[in-house]
Amino acid sequence: MSDTAILSAQGQRHAADHAVSMPAFVDHAHLVVRDLPMVSAWYQRILGLVPLETSASGETLGAGGRPLLTLTTSGDARIGGQRGPGLFHNAFLMPDRTELGRWLAHAAHSGVALQGASDHLVSEAIYLADPEGNGIEVYRDRPRSEWRFQPDGTVAMATLPLDLQALYDESPKTGFATAPEATTLGHIHLQVSALPEADMFFRDVLGLGLMATYPGAHFYGSGQYHHHVGANIWNSRGAPKRAGQVTGLADYAVQFNDRARFDAALAALDRLEIPVARNGDRATLTDPWGIGVTLVA
């Protein structure tokens, strides 16, 4: 077996292991954009995502044959504001530090403007935005053996400086044409109106654990993952529910590996009288901030 085939097989196993170990996880996001060809080309060139499906209204991009991001366009969509509910960032998880460094070298050589870089103890993360201002995180997880958990089960996280120069110097300079096959949408981070409301929806309805807290932000995950969903009020405290067609995050999907958790989430939505459209193993709804959510068993 060639080295390339070995790496491909390892990447596929990494992605599969990551998904199976999680009772629930976010695996797909959908953005409404103004300039579809330009934004799609940017994600392909800068993040290395590959077109998987094309329709008259949009494209679905992914890695390793898995859809991660759908882009659609709408002529009557107004520009989404930065101070209301919506996307803070989509977070693309690289399989290891080598691949994160390889992507960093590619971004540097492509002249991409970075917005920040942080060591979160459980992960190393690099931040940027797409051409229409949608936030992006590209990150790698540290091995779980290096994570530290608090007595209450929450995970120890911090925001420390990440040495980008060291990461760049250590990385292979062999180019970055496409994202590694094991790349996943590791988590999604949202702007919300209130954190108690976020606790109610992500913890009490969707069954995600409250894994960490930070001033103005809560982080929710399953399978003791540091977070599949982040929610903050840094720019959106008290903002009204989003209404009408706007650019930015239109909806996101939560995949349940545990059918009982999926059924429990639907039962909680029924108790709260939150409207849900069901179609077999899929359920669609609108979250408390006006963002679409698809639950998949």
C-alpha atoms as a PDB file:
ATOM      1  CA  MET A   1       0.000   0.000   0.000  1.00  0.00           C
ATOM      2  CA  SER A   2       1.353   3.447  -0.908  1.00  0.00           C
ATOM      3  CA  ASP A   3       2.044   6.135   1.714  1.00  0.00           C
ATOM      4  CA  THR A   4      -0.817   8.187   0.261  1.00  0.00           C
ATOM      5  CA  ALA A   5      -3.245   5.291   0.580  1.00  0.00           C
ATOM      6  CA  ILE A   6      -2.114   4.635   4.148  1.00  0.00           C
ATOM      7  CA  LEU A   7      -2.648   8.285   5.103  1.00  0.00           C
ATOM      8  CA  SER A   8      -6.061   8.264   3.411  1.00  0.00           C
ATOM      9  CA  ALA A   9      -7.129   5.155   5.319  1.00  0.00           C
ATOM     10  CA  GLN A  10      -5.849   6.612   8.579  1.00  0.00           C
ATOM     11  CA  GLY A  11      -7.744   9.834   7.919  1.00  0.00           C
ATOM     12  CA  GLN A  12     -10.982   8.012   7.229  1.00  0.00           C
ATOM     13  CA  ARG A  13     -10.595   5.996  10.440  1.00  0.00           C
ATOM     14  CA  HIS A  14      -9.892   9.217  12.390  1.00  0.00           C
ATOM     15  CA  ALA A  15     -13.079  10.842  11.106  1.00  0.00           C
ATOM     16  CA  ALA A  16     -15.132   7.704  11.735  1.00  0.00           C
ATOM     17  CA  ASP A  17     -13.759   7.259  15.273  1.00  0.00           C
ATOM     18  CA  HIS A  18     -14.426  10.913  16.055  1.00  0.00           C
ATOM     19  CA  ALA A  19     -18.077  10.580  14.991  1.00  0.00           C
ATOM     20  CA  VAL A  20     -18.821   7.188  16.569  1.00  0.00           C
ATOM     21  CA  SER A  21     -17.463   8.268  19.967  1.00  0.00           C
ATOM     22  CA  MET A  22     -19.973  11.120  20.105  1.00  0.00           C
ATOM     23  CA  PRO A  23     -23.617  10.459  21.073  1.00  0.00           C
ATOM     24  CA  ALA A  24     -24.458  13.712  19.250  1.00  0.00           C
ATOM     25  CA  PHE A  25     -22.434  16.171  17.194  1.00  0.00           C
ATOM     26  CA  VAL A  26     -22.773  18.986  14.654  1.00  0.00           C
ATOM     27  CA  ASP A  27     -21.808  17.772  11.192  1.00  0.00           C
ATOM     28  CA  HIS A  28     -23.032  20.322   8.664  1.00  0.00           C
ATOM     29  CA  ALA A  29     -23.719  24.047   8.305  1.00  0.00           C
ATOM     30  CA  HIS A  30     -25.559  26.100   5.681  1.00  0.00           C
ATOM     31  CA  LEU A  31     -24.662  29.693   4.808  1.00  0.00           C
ATOM     32  CA  VAL A  32     -26.621  32.156   2.697  1.00  0.00           C
ATOM     33  CA  VAL A  33     -24.189  34.311   0.723  1.00  0.00           C
ATOM     34  CA  ARG A  34     -24.458  37.182  -1.751  1.00  0.00           C
ATOM     35  CA  ASP A  35     -21.792  36.107  -4.253  1.00  0.00           C
ATOM     36  CA  LEU A  36     -22.015  32.327  -4.511  1.00  0.00           C
ATOM     37  CA  PRO A  37     -19.285  31.724  -7.155  1.00  0.00           C
ATOM     38  CA  MET A  38     -16.780  33.912  -5.345  1.00  0.00           C
ATOM     39  CA  VAL A  39     -17.413  32.490  -1.865  1.00  0.00           C
ATOM     40  CA  SER A  40     -17.465  28.892  -3.091  1.00  0.00           C
ATOM     41  CA  ALA A  41     -14.178  29.386  -4.943  1.00  0.00           C
ATOM     42  CA  TRP A  42     -12.661  30.877  -1.782  1.00  0.00           C
ATOM     43  CA  TYR A  43     -13.616  27.873   0.373  1.00  0.00           C
ATOM     44  CA  GLN A  44     -12.208  25.548  -2.266  1.00  0.00           C
ATOM     45  CA  ARG A  45      -8.954  27.484  -2.653  1.00  0.00           C
ATOM     46  CA  ILE A  46      -8.303  28.466   0.964  1.00  0.00           C
ATOM     47  CA  LEU A  47      -9.850  25.636   2.994  1.00  0.00           C
ATOM     48  CA  GLY A  48      -9.465  22.959   0.356  1.00  0.00           C
ATOM     49  CA  LEU A  49     -13.105  21.881   0.436  1.00  0.00           C
ATOM     50  CA  VAL A  50     -14.330  19.911  -2.570  1.00  0.00           C
ATOM     51  CA  PRO A  51     -17.673  20.395  -4.391  1.00  0.00           C
ATOM     52  CA  LEU A  52     -19.916  17.393  -3.752  1.00  0.00           C
ATOM     53  CA  GLU A  53     -23.252  18.596  -5.117  1.00  0.00           C
ATOM     54  CA  THR A  54     -24.360  21.534  -7.235  1.00  0.00           C
ATOM     55  CA  SER A  55     -27.869  22.844  -7.780  1.00  0.00           C
ATOM     56  CA  ALA A  56     -29.403  25.938  -9.347  1.00  0.00           C
ATOM     57  CA  SER A  57     -29.399  27.734  -5.987  1.00  0.00           C
ATOM     58  CA  GLY A  58     -26.205  26.539  -4.376  1.00  0.00           C
ATOM     59  CA  GLU A  59     -23.358  24.124  -3.742  1.00  0.00           C
ATOM     60  CA  THR A  60     -22.416  21.643  -1.059  1.00  0.00           C
ATOM     61  CA  LEU A  61     -18.736  21.367  -0.210  1.00  0.00           C
ATOM     62  CA  GLY A  62     -16.973  18.767   1.884  1.00  0.00           C
ATOM     63  CA  ALA A  63     -13.955  16.581   2.554  1.00  0.00           C
ATOM     64  CA  GLY A  64     -13.489  12.849   2.267  1.00  0.00           C
ATOM     65  CA  GLY A  65     -16.884  12.577   0.585  1.00  0.00           C
ATOM     66  CA  ARG A  66     -18.692  14.030   3.636  1.00  0.00           C
ATOM     67  CA  PRO A  67     -20.746  17.222   3.202  1.00  0.00           C
ATOM     68  CA  LEU A  68     -19.613  19.907   5.643  1.00  0.00           C
ATOM     69  CA  LEU A  69     -20.849  23.209   4.254  1.00  0.00           C
ATOM     70  CA  THR A  70     -23.716  24.193   1.964  1.00  0.00           C
ATOM     71  CA  LEU A  71     -23.690  27.615   0.291  1.00  0.00           C
ATOM     72  CA  THR A  72     -26.821  29.090  -1.257  1.00  0.00           C
ATOM     73  CA  THR A  73     -27.670  32.536  -2.521  1.00  0.00           C
ATOM     74  CA  SER A  74     -30.799  34.629  -2.428  1.00  0.00           C
ATOM     75  CA  GLY A  75     -31.363  37.939  -4.178  1.00  0.00           C
ATOM     76  CA  ASP A  76     -33.725  39.224  -1.483  1.00  0.00           C
ATOM     77  CA  ALA A  77     -31.528  38.335   1.508  1.00  0.00           C
ATOM     78  CA  ARG A  78     -30.509  41.363   3.525  1.00  0.00           C
ATOM     79  CA  ILE A  79     -26.980  41.584   4.911  1.00  0.00           C
ATOM     80  CA  GLY A  80     -26.850  39.945   8.328  1.00  0.00           C
ATOM     81  CA  GLY A  81     -25.768  42.233  11.154  1.00  0.00           C
ATOM     82  CA  GLN A  82     -22.801  41.544  13.414  1.00  0.00           C
ATOM     83  CA  ARG A  83     -24.665  42.320  16.622  1.00  0.00           C
ATOM     84  CA  GLY A  84     -27.589  39.917  16.388  1.00  0.00           C
ATOM     85  CA  PRO A  85     -28.074  36.158  16.723  1.00  0.00           C
ATOM     86  CA  GLY A  86     -26.255  34.073  14.154  1.00  0.00           C
ATOM     87  CA  LEU A  87     -22.870  32.607  13.376  1.00  0.00           C
ATOM     88  CA  PHE A  88     -19.767  33.407  15.376  1.00  0.00           C
ATOM     89  CA  HIS A  89     -17.745  30.796  13.512  1.00  0.00           C
ATOM     90  CA  ASN A  90     -17.808  27.409  11.828  1.00  0.00           C
ATOM     91  CA  ALA A  91     -14.919  25.323  13.156  1.00  0.00           C
ATOM     92  CA  PHE A  92     -13.132  22.927  10.812  1.00  0.00           C
ATOM     93  CA  LEU A  93     -11.239  20.216  12.672  1.00  0.00           C
ATOM     94  CA  MET A  94      -7.950  19.000  11.188  1.00  0.00           C
ATOM     95  CA  PRO A  95      -6.856  15.451  12.044  1.00  0.00           C
ATOM     96  CA  ASP A  96      -3.557  16.439  13.698  1.00  0.00           C
ATOM     97  CA  ARG A  97      -1.022  19.197  14.304  1.00  0.00           C
ATOM     98  CA  THR A  98       0.926  18.374  11.153  1.00  0.00           C
ATOM     99  CA  GLU A  99      -2.126  19.023   8.981  1.00  0.00           C
ATOM    100  CA  LEU A 100      -2.965  22.207  10.893  1.00  0.00           C
ATOM    101  CA  GLY A 101       0.577  23.427  10.235  1.00  0.00           C
ATOM    102  CA  ARG A 102       0.346  22.436   6.588  1.00  0.00           C
ATOM    103  CA  TRP A 103      -2.849  24.489   6.280  1.00  0.00           C
ATOM    104  CA  LEU A 104      -1.219  27.437   8.085  1.00  0.00           C
ATOM    105  CA  ALA A 105       1.661  27.439   5.601  1.00  0.00           C
ATOM    106  CA  HIS A 106      -0.849  27.359   2.739  1.00  0.00           C
ATOM    107  CA  ALA A 107      -2.820  30.254   4.251  1.00  0.00           C
ATOM    108  CA  ALA A 108       0.345  32.289   4.745  1.00  0.00           C
ATOM    109  CA  HIS A 109       1.500  31.699   1.186  1.00  0.00           C
ATOM    110  CA  SER A 110      -2.000  32.597  -0.070  1.00  0.00           C
ATOM    111  CA  GLY A 111      -1.956  35.953   1.716  1.00  0.00           C
ATOM    112  CA  VAL A 112      -4.921  35.135   3.971  1.00  0.00           C
ATOM    113  CA  ALA A 113      -5.540  37.672   6.734  1.00  0.00           C
ATOM    114  CA  LEU A 114      -5.794  35.856  10.063  1.00  0.00           C
ATOM    115  CA  GLN A 115      -7.868  37.302  12.906  1.00  0.00           C
ATOM    116  CA  GLY A 116      -6.270  35.439  15.788  1.00  0.00           C
ATOM    117  CA  ALA A 117      -4.691  32.243  17.079  1.00  0.00           C
ATOM    118  CA  SER A 118      -5.209  30.602  20.464  1.00  0.00           C
ATOM    119  CA  ASP A 119      -4.076  27.675  22.575  1.00  0.00           C
ATOM    120  CA  HIS A 120      -7.229  26.443  24.335  1.00  0.00           C
ATOM    121  CA  LEU A 121      -5.421  23.662  26.289  1.00  0.00           C
ATOM    122  CA  VAL A 122      -7.607  21.031  24.598  1.00  0.00           C
ATOM    123  CA  SER A 123      -6.937  22.404  21.114  1.00  0.00           C
ATOM    124  CA  GLU A 124      -4.907  24.791  18.988  1.00  0.00           C
ATOM    125  CA  ALA A 125      -7.016  27.159  16.899  1.00  0.00           C
ATOM    126  CA  ILE A 126      -6.544  29.702  14.118  1.00  0.00           C
ATOM    127  CA  TYR A 127      -9.261  32.247  13.302  1.00  0.00           C
ATOM    128  CA  LEU A 128     -10.203  34.042  10.109  1.00  0.00           C
ATOM    129  CA  ALA A 129     -13.289  35.031   8.086  1.00  0.00           C
ATOM    130  CA  ASP A 130     -14.541  34.276   4.601  1.00  0.00           C
ATOM    131  CA  PRO A 131     -14.946  37.126   2.054  1.00  0.00           C
ATOM    132  CA  GLU A 132     -18.463  37.925   3.321  1.00  0.00           C
ATOM    133  CA  GLY A 133     -17.440  38.059   6.972  1.00  0.00           C
ATOM    134  CA  ASN A 134     -18.565  34.610   8.128  1.00  0.00           C
ATOM    135  CA  GLY A 135     -16.291  33.534  10.965  1.00  0.00           C
ATOM    136  CA  ILE A 136     -14.093  30.456  10.620  1.00  0.00           C
ATOM    137  CA  GLU A 137     -11.923  28.488  13.024  1.00  0.00           C
ATOM    138  CA  VAL A 138      -9.392  25.945  11.761  1.00  0.00           C
ATOM    139  CA  TYR A 139      -8.105  23.797  14.624  1.00  0.00           C
ATOM    140  CA  ARG A 140      -6.667  20.537  15.840  1.00  0.00           C
ATOM    141  CA  ASP A 141      -7.467  18.714  19.068  1.00  0.00           C
ATOM    142  CA  ARG A 142      -4.790  17.703  21.495  1.00  0.00           C
ATOM    143  CA  PRO A 143      -4.920  14.004  22.477  1.00  0.00           C
ATOM    144  CA  ARG A 144      -7.598  13.383  25.107  1.00  0.00           C
ATOM    145  CA  SER A 145      -4.930  12.035  27.429  1.00  0.00           C
ATOM    146  CA  GLU A 146      -3.702  15.643  27.710  1.00  0.00           C
ATOM    147  CA  TRP A 147      -7.131  17.122  28.558  1.00  0.00           C
ATOM    148  CA  ARG A 148      -7.851  18.013  32.171  1.00  0.00           C
ATOM    149  CA  PHE A 149     -11.318  17.682  33.646  1.00  0.00           C
ATOM    150  CA  GLN A 150     -12.712  19.497  36.660  1.00  0.00           C
ATOM    151  CA  PRO A 151     -14.377  17.606  39.570  1.00  0.00           C
ATOM    152  CA  ASP A 152     -17.798  18.587  38.176  1.00  0.00           C
ATOM    153  CA  GLY A 153     -17.006  16.938  34.825  1.00  0.00           C
ATOM    154  CA  THR A 154     -16.362  20.142  32.892  1.00  0.00           C
ATOM    155  CA  VAL A 155     -13.200  20.397  30.827  1.00  0.00           C
ATOM    156  CA  ALA A 156     -10.406  22.839  31.597  1.00  0.00           C
ATOM    157  CA  MET A 157     -10.087  25.350  28.757  1.00  0.00           C
ATOM    158  CA  ALA A 158      -8.302  28.675  28.395  1.00  0.00           C
ATOM    159  CA  THR A 159      -7.416  31.240  25.750  1.00  0.00           C
ATOM    160  CA  LEU A 160      -3.637  31.509  25.591  1.00  0.00           C
ATOM    161  CA  PRO A 161      -1.441  32.807  22.752  1.00  0.00           C
ATOM    162  CA  LEU A 162      -0.606  30.247  20.066  1.00  0.00           C
ATOM    163  CA  ASP A 163       2.926  30.421  18.675  1.00  0.00           C
ATOM    164  CA  LEU A 164       2.121  30.591  14.959  1.00  0.00           C
ATOM    165  CA  GLN A 165       5.755  30.953  13.978  1.00  0.00           C
ATOM    166  CA  ALA A 166       6.671  27.693  15.709  1.00  0.00           C
ATOM    167  CA  LEU A 167       3.702  25.920  14.124  1.00  0.00           C
ATOM    168  CA  TYR A 168       4.715  27.247  10.702  1.00  0.00           C
ATOM    169  CA  ASP A 169       8.377  26.313  11.171  1.00  0.00           C
ATOM    170  CA  GLU A 170       7.478  22.739  12.174  1.00  0.00           C
ATOM    171  CA  SER A 171       5.020  22.200   9.319  1.00  0.00           C
ATOM    172  CA  PRO A 172       5.757  20.434   6.031  1.00  0.00           C
ATOM    173  CA  LYS A 173       5.850  22.828   3.082  1.00  0.00           C
ATOM    174  CA  THR A 174       4.501  20.279   0.606  1.00  0.00           C
ATOM    175  CA  GLY A 175       1.416  22.226  -0.386  1.00  0.00           C
ATOM    176  CA  PHE A 176      -2.241  22.051   0.542  1.00  0.00           C
ATOM    177  CA  ALA A 177      -4.465  21.391  -2.463  1.00  0.00           C
ATOM    178  CA  THR A 178      -7.440  19.809  -0.684  1.00  0.00           C
ATOM    179  CA  ALA A 179      -8.485  19.399   2.920  1.00  0.00           C
ATOM    180  CA  PRO A 180      -7.453  16.085   4.515  1.00  0.00           C
ATOM    181  CA  GLU A 181     -10.107  13.405   4.097  1.00  0.00           C
ATOM    182  CA  ALA A 182     -10.520  13.271   7.886  1.00  0.00           C
ATOM    183  CA  THR A 183     -11.489  16.966   8.126  1.00  0.00           C
ATOM    184  CA  THR A 184     -14.802  17.437   9.943  1.00  0.00           C
ATOM    185  CA  LEU A 185     -16.970  20.276  11.171  1.00  0.00           C
ATOM    186  CA  GLY A 186     -15.738  19.891  14.719  1.00  0.00           C
ATOM    187  CA  HIS A 187     -18.087  22.438  16.257  1.00  0.00           C
ATOM    188  CA  ILE A 188     -20.173  25.494  15.581  1.00  0.00           C
ATOM    189  CA  HIS A 189     -20.101  28.684  17.652  1.00  0.00           C
ATOM    190  CA  LEU A 190     -23.189  30.888  17.734  1.00  0.00           C
ATOM    191  CA  GLN A 191     -24.118  34.367  18.823  1.00  0.00           C
ATOM    192  CA  VAL A 192     -27.235  34.150  21.020  1.00  0.00           C
ATOM    193  CA  SER A 193     -29.377  36.566  23.010  1.00  0.00           C
ATOM    194  CA  ALA A 194     -29.067  35.036  26.486  1.00  0.00           C
ATOM    195  CA  LEU A 195     -27.079  32.202  28.056  1.00  0.00           C
ATOM    196  CA  PRO A 196     -29.902  30.771  30.233  1.00  0.00           C
ATOM    197  CA  GLU A 197     -31.911  30.378  27.019  1.00  0.00           C
ATOM    198  CA  ALA A 198     -28.906  28.627  25.427  1.00  0.00           C
ATOM    199  CA  ASP A 199     -28.657  26.280  28.429  1.00  0.00           C
ATOM    200  CA  MET A 200     -32.317  25.429  28.044  1.00  0.00           C
ATOM    201  CA  PHE A 201     -32.018  24.616  24.349  1.00  0.00           C
ATOM    202  CA  PHE A 202     -28.642  22.883  24.036  1.00  0.00           C
ATOM    203  CA  ARG A 203     -28.508  21.176  27.436  1.00  0.00           C
ATOM    204  CA  ASP A 204     -32.121  20.577  28.425  1.00  0.00           C
ATOM    205  CA  VAL A 205     -33.596  19.973  24.958  1.00  0.00           C
ATOM    206  CA  LEU A 206     -30.767  18.591  22.809  1.00  0.00           C
ATOM    207  CA  GLY A 207     -29.121  16.802  25.730  1.00  0.00           C
ATOM    208  CA  LEU A 208     -25.620  18.241  25.302  1.00  0.00           C
ATOM    209  CA  GLY A 209     -23.582  18.613  28.455  1.00  0.00           C
ATOM    210  CA  LEU A 210     -22.380  22.006  29.679  1.00  0.00           C
ATOM    211  CA  MET A 211     -18.680  21.317  29.217  1.00  0.00           C
ATOM    212  CA  ALA A 212     -17.115  24.697  29.984  1.00  0.00           C
ATOM    213  CA  THR A 213     -18.003  28.276  30.822  1.00  0.00           C
ATOM    214  CA  TYR A 214     -16.233  31.527  30.038  1.00  0.00           C
ATOM    215  CA  PRO A 215     -17.312  35.110  30.741  1.00  0.00           C
ATOM    216  CA  GLY A 216     -20.197  35.654  28.332  1.00  0.00           C
ATOM    217  CA  ALA A 217     -20.012  32.185  26.746  1.00  0.00           C
ATOM    218  CA  HIS A 218     -21.061  28.578  27.401  1.00  0.00           C
ATOM    219  CA  PHE A 219     -19.792  25.476  25.616  1.00  0.00           C
ATOM    220  CA  TYR A 220     -21.843  22.293  25.113  1.00  0.00           C
ATOM    221  CA  GLY A 221     -20.727  18.829  24.033  1.00  0.00           C
ATOM    222  CA  SER A 222     -21.424  15.113  24.155  1.00  0.00           C
ATOM    223  CA  GLY A 223     -19.169  12.143  24.770  1.00  0.00           C
ATOM    224  CA  GLN A 224     -17.053  14.402  27.024  1.00  0.00           C
ATOM    225  CA  TYR A 225     -15.947  16.370  23.956  1.00  0.00           C
ATOM    226  CA  HIS A 226     -14.876  19.904  24.866  1.00  0.00           C
ATOM    227  CA  HIS A 227     -17.702  21.369  22.780  1.00  0.00           C
ATOM    228  CA  HIS A 228     -19.836  20.720  19.752  1.00  0.00           C
ATOM    229  CA  VAL A 229     -21.686  24.017  20.191  1.00  0.00           C
ATOM    230  CA  GLY A 230     -20.464  27.306  21.612  1.00  0.00           C
ATOM    231  CA  ALA A 231     -22.858  30.130  22.475  1.00  0.00           C
ATOM    232  CA  ASN A 232     -21.853  33.671  23.387  1.00  0.00           C
ATOM    233  CA  ILE A 233     -23.505  37.027  24.074  1.00  0.00           C
ATOM    234  CA  TRP A 234     -20.426  39.191  23.456  1.00  0.00           C
ATOM    235  CA  ASN A 235     -22.055  41.079  20.569  1.00  0.00           C
ATOM    236  CA  SER A 236     -25.664  39.941  20.835  1.00  0.00           C
ATOM    237  CA  ARG A 237     -26.820  40.208  24.463  1.00  0.00           C
ATOM    238  CA  GLY A 238     -30.576  40.833  24.521  1.00  0.00           C
ATOM    239  CA  ALA A 239     -30.844  41.014  20.722  1.00  0.00           C
ATOM    240  CA  PRO A 240     -34.254  40.097  19.255  1.00  0.00           C
ATOM    241  CA  LYS A 241     -34.890  36.824  17.461  1.00  0.00           C
ATOM    242  CA  ARG A 242     -33.720  36.896  13.859  1.00  0.00           C
ATOM    243  CA  ALA A 243     -36.491  37.315  11.298  1.00  0.00           C
ATOM    244  CA  GLY A 244     -36.657  37.220   7.521  1.00  0.00           C
ATOM    245  CA  GLN A 245     -34.065  36.126   4.988  1.00  0.00           C
ATOM    246  CA  VAL A 246     -30.572  37.257   5.952  1.00  0.00           C
ATOM    247  CA  THR A 247     -27.068  36.343   4.876  1.00  0.00           C
ATOM    248  CA  GLY A 248     -24.926  34.234   7.152  1.00  0.00           C
ATOM    249  CA  LEU A 249     -25.896  31.052   8.953  1.00  0.00           C
ATOM    250  CA  ALA A 250     -29.240  29.727   7.717  1.00  0.00           C
ATOM    251  CA  ASP A 251     -29.232  26.381   9.512  1.00  0.00           C
ATOM    252  CA  TYR A 252     -27.054  23.636  10.967  1.00  0.00           C
ATOM    253  CA  ALA A 253     -27.452  19.895  11.503  1.00  0.00           C
ATOM    254  CA  VAL A 254     -27.070  17.872  14.700  1.00  0.00           C
ATOM    255  CA  GLN A 255     -26.439  14.158  14.170  1.00  0.00           C
ATOM    256  CA  PHE A 256     -27.481  11.692  16.907  1.00  0.00           C
ATOM    257  CA  ASN A 257     -25.701   8.336  17.101  1.00  0.00           C
ATOM    258  CA  ASP A 258     -27.934   7.407  20.043  1.00  0.00           C
ATOM    259  CA  ARG A 259     -31.581   6.982  18.974  1.00  0.00           C
ATOM    260  CA  ALA A 260     -32.788   7.357  22.563  1.00  0.00           C
ATOM    261  CA  ARG A 261     -31.233  10.819  22.746  1.00  0.00           C
ATOM    262  CA  PHE A 262     -32.863  11.785  19.467  1.00  0.00           C
ATOM    263  CA  ASP A 263     -36.268  10.662  20.771  1.00  0.00           C
ATOM    264  CA  ALA A 264     -35.665  12.477  24.067  1.00  0.00           C
ATOM    265  CA  ALA A 265     -34.889  15.701  22.195  1.00  0.00           C
ATOM    266  CA  LEU A 266     -38.121  15.415  20.196  1.00  0.00           C
ATOM    267  CA  ALA A 267     -40.090  14.765  23.382  1.00  0.00           C
ATOM    268  CA  ALA A 268     -38.572  17.861  25.015  1.00  0.00           C
ATOM    269  CA  LEU A 269     -39.479  19.960  21.963  1.00  0.00           C
ATOM    270  CA  ASP A 270     -43.062  18.668  22.199  1.00  0.00           C
ATOM    271  CA  ARG A 271     -43.253  19.562  25.911  1.00  0.00           C
ATOM    272  CA  LEU A 272     -42.088  23.088  25.140  1.00  0.00           C
ATOM    273  CA  GLU A 273     -44.509  23.293  22.191  1.00  0.00           C
ATOM    274  CA  ILE A 274     -41.697  24.188  19.786  1.00  0.00           C
ATOM    275  CA  PRO A 275     -42.942  23.437  16.245  1.00  0.00           C
ATOM    276  CA  VAL A 276     -41.102  20.559  14.571  1.00  0.00           C
ATOM    277  CA  ALA A 277     -41.493  19.124  11.063  1.00  0.00           C
ATOM    278  CA  ARG A 278     -40.710  15.390  11.078  1.00  0.00           C
ATOM    279  CA  ASN A 279     -39.747  13.191   8.159  1.00  0.00           C
ATOM    280  CA  GLY A 280     -38.606   9.740   9.238  1.00  0.00           C
ATOM    281  CA  ASP A 281     -35.266  10.029  11.006  1.00  0.00           C
ATOM    282  CA  ARG A 282     -35.047  13.792  10.403  1.00  0.00           C
ATOM    283  CA  ALA A 283     -36.680  16.661  12.251  1.00  0.00           C
ATOM    284  CA  THR A 284     -36.421  20.343  11.343  1.00  0.00           C
ATOM    285  CA  LEU A 285     -37.153  23.313  13.564  1.00  0.00           C
ATOM    286  CA  THR A 286     -36.103  26.864  14.321  1.00  0.00           C
ATOM    287  CA  ASP A 287     -33.963  27.485  17.380  1.00  0.00           C
ATOM    288  CA  PRO A 288     -34.797  30.218  19.921  1.00  0.00           C
ATOM    289  CA  TRP A 289     -32.801  32.786  17.906  1.00  0.00           C
ATOM    290  CA  GLY A 290     -34.384  32.207  14.501  1.00  0.00           C
ATOM    291  CA  ILE A 291     -31.732  29.846  13.099  1.00  0.00           C
ATOM    292  CA  GLY A 292     -32.801  26.623  11.417  1.00  0.00           C
ATOM    293  CA  VAL A 293     -31.792  23.286  12.973  1.00  0.00           C
ATOM    294  CA  THR A 294     -32.034  19.782  11.511  1.00  0.00           C
ATOM    295  CA  LEU A 295     -31.884  16.848  13.920  1.00  0.00           C
ATOM    296  CA  VAL A 296     -30.860  13.550  12.337  1.00  0.00           C
ATOM    297  CA  ALA A 297     -30.993  10.085  13.920  1.00  0.00           C
END
